[in-house]
Amino acid sequence: MYYVYMLASKRHGTLYIGVTNDLRTRLELHRMGKGSEFVRQYNVHRLVYVESYENAEDAIRREKQLKKWNRDWKIRLIEEENLEWCDLSHLIS
């Protein structure tokens, strides 16, 4: 499986969108400051949104699409599934 995910610094805070085939490991890297310079610099560690895909091409296409969206659309997408902007990390198996 491949995952498109959004991290946030806080509710309505700084957002980061990424793609990976190992979400648990990627989140650990982000939290250790090794996943992304942007994530480390802006302290963006809260997993607030995830989509899963069976192949890399679809996941990458979706990541690129979401990165082009304006901020309000991204916030609306997050809040459709996660109104309180809870950290969803505990749901990752």
C-alpha atoms as a PDB file:
ATOM      1  CA  MET A   1       0.000   0.000   0.000  1.00  0.00           C
ATOM      2  CA  TYR A   2       0.960   3.618  -0.596  1.00  0.00           C
ATOM      3  CA  TYR A   3      -0.207   6.527   1.497  1.00  0.00           C
ATOM      4  CA  VAL A   4      -0.782  10.210   0.851  1.00  0.00           C
ATOM      5  CA  TYR A   5      -0.776  12.005   4.166  1.00  0.00           C
ATOM      6  CA  MET A   6      -1.078  15.455   5.651  1.00  0.00           C
ATOM      7  CA  LEU A   7       0.719  16.643   8.716  1.00  0.00           C
ATOM      8  CA  ALA A   8      -0.120  19.803  10.635  1.00  0.00           C
ATOM      9  CA  SER A   9       1.712  21.824  13.262  1.00  0.00           C
ATOM     10  CA  LYS A  10      -1.606  22.471  15.054  1.00  0.00           C
ATOM     11  CA  ARG A  11      -5.253  23.043  14.159  1.00  0.00           C
ATOM     12  CA  HIS A  12      -5.276  25.309  11.084  1.00  0.00           C
ATOM     13  CA  GLY A  13      -1.496  25.508  11.364  1.00  0.00           C
ATOM     14  CA  THR A  14       1.263  24.794   8.876  1.00  0.00           C
ATOM     15  CA  LEU A  15       0.494  21.857   6.558  1.00  0.00           C
ATOM     16  CA  TYR A  16       2.753  19.307   4.902  1.00  0.00           C
ATOM     17  CA  ILE A  17       1.682  16.755   2.280  1.00  0.00           C
ATOM     18  CA  GLY A  18       3.715  13.656   1.564  1.00  0.00           C
ATOM     19  CA  VAL A  19       3.574  10.178   0.037  1.00  0.00           C
ATOM     20  CA  THR A  20       5.116   6.931   1.299  1.00  0.00           C
ATOM     21  CA  ASN A  21       4.752   3.174   1.261  1.00  0.00           C
ATOM     22  CA  ASP A  22       5.643   2.890   4.977  1.00  0.00           C
ATOM     23  CA  LEU A  23       3.662   5.452   6.916  1.00  0.00           C
ATOM     24  CA  ARG A  24       4.765   4.371  10.398  1.00  0.00           C
ATOM     25  CA  THR A  25       8.471   4.633   9.530  1.00  0.00           C
ATOM     26  CA  ARG A  26       7.978   7.907   7.664  1.00  0.00           C
ATOM     27  CA  LEU A  27       6.224   9.452  10.665  1.00  0.00           C
ATOM     28  CA  GLU A  28       9.043   8.293  12.947  1.00  0.00           C
ATOM     29  CA  LEU A  29      11.601   9.893  10.610  1.00  0.00           C
ATOM     30  CA  HIS A  30       9.639  13.152  10.559  1.00  0.00           C
ATOM     31  CA  ARG A  31       9.466  13.202  14.346  1.00  0.00           C
ATOM     32  CA  MET A  32      13.203  12.584  14.639  1.00  0.00           C
ATOM     33  CA  GLY A  33      13.818  15.539  12.313  1.00  0.00           C
ATOM     34  CA  LYS A  34      15.044  13.341   9.468  1.00  0.00           C
ATOM     35  CA  GLY A  35      11.983  13.113   7.219  1.00  0.00           C
ATOM     36  CA  SER A  36      11.968  16.587   5.732  1.00  0.00           C
ATOM     37  CA  GLU A  37      13.705  19.897   6.326  1.00  0.00           C
ATOM     38  CA  PHE A  38      10.325  21.678   6.081  1.00  0.00           C
ATOM     39  CA  VAL A  39       8.731  19.399   8.681  1.00  0.00           C
ATOM     40  CA  ARG A  40      11.671  19.856  11.039  1.00  0.00           C
ATOM     41  CA  GLN A  41      11.818  23.626  10.586  1.00  0.00           C
ATOM     42  CA  TYR A  42       8.088  24.205  11.135  1.00  0.00           C
ATOM     43  CA  ASN A  43       7.512  21.436  13.711  1.00  0.00           C
ATOM     44  CA  VAL A  44       4.822  19.764  11.583  1.00  0.00           C
ATOM     45  CA  HIS A  45       4.284  16.358  13.234  1.00  0.00           C
ATOM     46  CA  ARG A  46       0.556  15.831  13.768  1.00  0.00           C
ATOM     47  CA  LEU A  47      -0.926  13.300  11.310  1.00  0.00           C
ATOM     48  CA  VAL A  48      -4.324  14.768  10.425  1.00  0.00           C
ATOM     49  CA  TYR A  49      -5.273  13.080   7.129  1.00  0.00           C
ATOM     50  CA  VAL A  50      -4.435   9.871   5.238  1.00  0.00           C
ATOM     51  CA  GLU A  51      -5.500   8.262   1.954  1.00  0.00           C
ATOM     52  CA  SER A  52      -4.329   4.827   0.822  1.00  0.00           C
ATOM     53  CA  TYR A  53      -3.615   3.562  -2.686  1.00  0.00           C
ATOM     54  CA  GLU A  54      -2.657   0.219  -4.147  1.00  0.00           C
ATOM     55  CA  ASN A  55      -0.025   1.597  -6.512  1.00  0.00           C
ATOM     56  CA  ALA A  56       2.602   4.290  -6.365  1.00  0.00           C
ATOM     57  CA  GLU A  57       1.495   6.117  -9.506  1.00  0.00           C
ATOM     58  CA  ASP A  58      -1.984   6.842  -8.116  1.00  0.00           C
ATOM     59  CA  ALA A  59      -0.581   7.976  -4.784  1.00  0.00           C
ATOM     60  CA  ILE A  60       1.957  10.293  -6.392  1.00  0.00           C
ATOM     61  CA  ARG A  61      -0.686  11.729  -8.708  1.00  0.00           C
ATOM     62  CA  ARG A  62      -2.938  12.474  -5.715  1.00  0.00           C
ATOM     63  CA  GLU A  63      -0.085  14.018  -3.722  1.00  0.00           C
ATOM     64  CA  LYS A  64       0.695  16.390  -6.598  1.00  0.00           C
ATOM     65  CA  GLN A  65      -2.990  17.247  -6.956  1.00  0.00           C
ATOM     66  CA  LEU A  66      -3.368  18.077  -3.262  1.00  0.00           C
ATOM     67  CA  LYS A  67      -0.220  20.200  -3.263  1.00  0.00           C
ATOM     68  CA  LYS A  68      -1.806  22.377  -5.966  1.00  0.00           C
ATOM     69  CA  TRP A  69      -5.004  22.894  -3.982  1.00  0.00           C
ATOM     70  CA  ASN A  70      -5.529  26.140  -2.134  1.00  0.00           C
ATOM     71  CA  ARG A  71      -5.314  26.084   1.643  1.00  0.00           C
ATOM     72  CA  ASP A  72      -9.073  26.331   2.252  1.00  0.00           C
ATOM     73  CA  TRP A  73      -9.705  23.193   0.174  1.00  0.00           C
ATOM     74  CA  LYS A  74      -7.074  21.278   2.158  1.00  0.00           C
ATOM     75  CA  ILE A  75      -8.587  22.398   5.463  1.00  0.00           C
ATOM     76  CA  ARG A  76     -12.056  21.395   4.289  1.00  0.00           C
ATOM     77  CA  LEU A  77     -10.739  17.956   3.264  1.00  0.00           C
ATOM     78  CA  ILE A  78      -9.117  17.429   6.668  1.00  0.00           C
ATOM     79  CA  GLU A  79     -12.199  18.564   8.565  1.00  0.00           C
ATOM     80  CA  GLU A  80     -14.523  16.273   6.598  1.00  0.00           C
ATOM     81  CA  GLU A  81     -12.800  13.331   8.302  1.00  0.00           C
ATOM     82  CA  ASN A  82     -11.062  14.882  11.310  1.00  0.00           C
ATOM     83  CA  LEU A  83     -12.955  17.915  12.558  1.00  0.00           C
ATOM     84  CA  GLU A  84     -10.869  18.271  15.717  1.00  0.00           C
ATOM     85  CA  TRP A  85      -7.526  17.820  13.908  1.00  0.00           C
ATOM     86  CA  CYS A  86      -6.646  14.907  16.204  1.00  0.00           C
ATOM     87  CA  ASP A  87      -3.330  13.151  15.676  1.00  0.00           C
ATOM     88  CA  LEU A  88      -4.225   9.949  13.824  1.00  0.00           C
ATOM     89  CA  SER A  89      -0.844   8.286  14.375  1.00  0.00           C
ATOM     90  CA  HIS A  90      -2.290   5.819  16.852  1.00  0.00           C
ATOM     91  CA  LEU A  91      -4.487   4.368  14.084  1.00  0.00           C
ATOM     92  CA  ILE A  92      -1.488   3.298  11.990  1.00  0.00           C
ATOM     93  CA  SER A  93      -0.797  -0.419  12.359  1.00  0.00           C
END
